[in-house]
Amino acid sequence: AAPAPRAPAPAAPPAVAKKVRSPSTLRRLVALAEREVEAACAERDRLAAELAGGGDYTAVARLAAQLAAAETRLAETEERWLAAAEELGSIA
């Protein structure tokens, strides 16, 4: 017996075009990210200074966890800034 005919493979979804943002939007995003980086740096520095002051084990553990979270936020914010700056540079 002959094999049953196969149904055609479903078509791939159409490629989604990357939305092009205007230079003014990108400049605003870069400026916003710069302010967020400054705030995240200040928070990280404040926590590091507080942690350097020592204290009991629970306070040090709490501060260390907060410092790790602040460093993660800073890294994420720096990545957003870099992406927006690169996008702006590619169209400017």
Protein backbone atom coordinates (compact mmCIF):
# COMPACT_ATOMS: atom_id res chain seq x y z
CA ALA A 1 0.00 0.00 0.00
CA ALA A 2 1.16 3.49 -0.81
CA PRO A 3 1.94 5.84 2.07
CA ALA A 4 -0.71 8.43 2.80
CA PRO A 5 0.07 11.85 1.31
CA ARG A 6 1.52 14.27 3.83
CA ALA A 7 -0.10 17.57 4.58
CA PRO A 8 2.13 20.51 3.65
CA ALA A 9 4.21 21.86 6.52
CA PRO A 10 2.69 24.94 8.11
CA ALA A 11 4.19 28.15 6.87
CA ALA A 12 6.60 29.90 9.18
CA PRO A 13 5.09 32.94 10.86
CA PRO A 14 6.02 36.17 9.13
CA ALA A 15 9.11 37.81 10.50
CA VAL A 16 8.26 40.61 12.85
CA ALA A 17 9.97 43.78 11.75
CA LYS A 18 12.03 45.41 14.46
CA LYS A 19 10.39 48.62 15.49
CA VAL A 20 12.58 51.57 14.63
CA ARG A 21 12.66 54.12 17.40
CA SER A 22 13.24 57.78 16.68
CA PRO A 23 16.47 59.50 17.71
CA SER A 24 14.58 61.64 20.20
CA THR A 25 13.08 58.56 21.86
CA LEU A 26 16.49 56.92 22.04
CA ARG A 27 18.10 60.06 23.50
CA ARG A 28 15.36 60.12 26.14
CA LEU A 29 15.95 56.42 26.91
CA VAL A 30 19.71 56.97 27.16
CA ALA A 31 19.22 59.92 29.53
CA LEU A 32 16.75 57.94 31.64
CA ALA A 33 19.14 54.99 31.82
CA GLU A 34 22.00 57.32 32.80
CA ARG A 35 19.95 58.64 35.73
CA GLU A 36 19.05 55.07 36.71
CA VAL A 37 22.72 54.03 36.56
CA GLU A 38 23.66 56.95 38.82
CA ALA A 39 20.94 56.01 41.31
CA ALA A 40 21.92 52.33 41.23
CA CYS A 41 25.60 53.24 41.76
CA ALA A 42 24.69 55.43 44.71
CA GLU A 43 22.59 52.64 46.24
CA ARG A 44 25.37 50.09 45.70
CA ASP A 45 27.96 52.42 47.23
CA ARG A 46 25.73 53.19 50.21
CA LEU A 47 25.18 49.48 50.88
CA ALA A 48 28.88 48.68 50.45
CA ALA A 49 29.81 51.40 52.96
CA GLU A 50 27.19 50.16 55.39
CA LEU A 51 28.44 46.60 54.97
CA ALA A 52 32.03 47.71 55.59
CA GLY A 53 30.87 49.07 58.92
CA GLY A 54 30.30 45.51 60.10
CA GLY A 55 27.71 44.53 62.65
CA ASP A 56 26.13 41.32 63.78
CA TYR A 57 25.84 38.33 61.49
CA THR A 58 22.19 38.87 60.56
CA ALA A 59 22.77 42.52 59.66
CA VAL A 60 25.81 41.64 57.57
CA ALA A 61 23.91 38.84 55.80
CA ARG A 62 20.97 41.17 55.11
CA LEU A 63 23.26 43.89 53.77
CA ALA A 64 25.18 41.39 51.63
CA ALA A 65 21.92 40.20 50.05
CA GLN A 66 20.82 43.78 49.45
CA LEU A 67 24.21 44.61 47.94
CA ALA A 68 24.00 41.63 45.58
CA ALA A 69 20.52 42.73 44.47
CA ALA A 70 21.75 46.31 43.97
CA GLU A 71 24.67 45.07 41.85
CA THR A 72 22.26 43.02 39.73
CA ARG A 73 20.02 46.07 39.22
CA LEU A 74 23.07 48.13 38.27
CA ALA A 75 24.22 45.56 35.71
CA GLU A 76 20.73 45.38 34.17
CA THR A 77 20.50 49.15 34.02
CA GLU A 78 23.94 49.40 32.42
CA GLU A 79 22.86 46.86 29.79
CA ARG A 80 19.74 48.90 28.99
CA TRP A 81 21.86 52.05 28.70
CA LEU A 82 24.36 50.34 26.44
CA ALA A 83 21.64 48.90 24.18
CA ALA A 84 19.92 52.28 23.82
CA ALA A 85 23.24 54.06 23.20
CA GLU A 86 24.25 51.51 20.56
CA GLU A 87 20.85 51.79 18.86
CA LEU A 88 21.14 55.56 18.88
CA GLY A 89 24.66 55.37 17.47
CA SER A 90 23.54 53.09 14.66
CA ILE A 91 20.95 55.59 13.38
CA ALA A 92 22.67 58.86 14.19
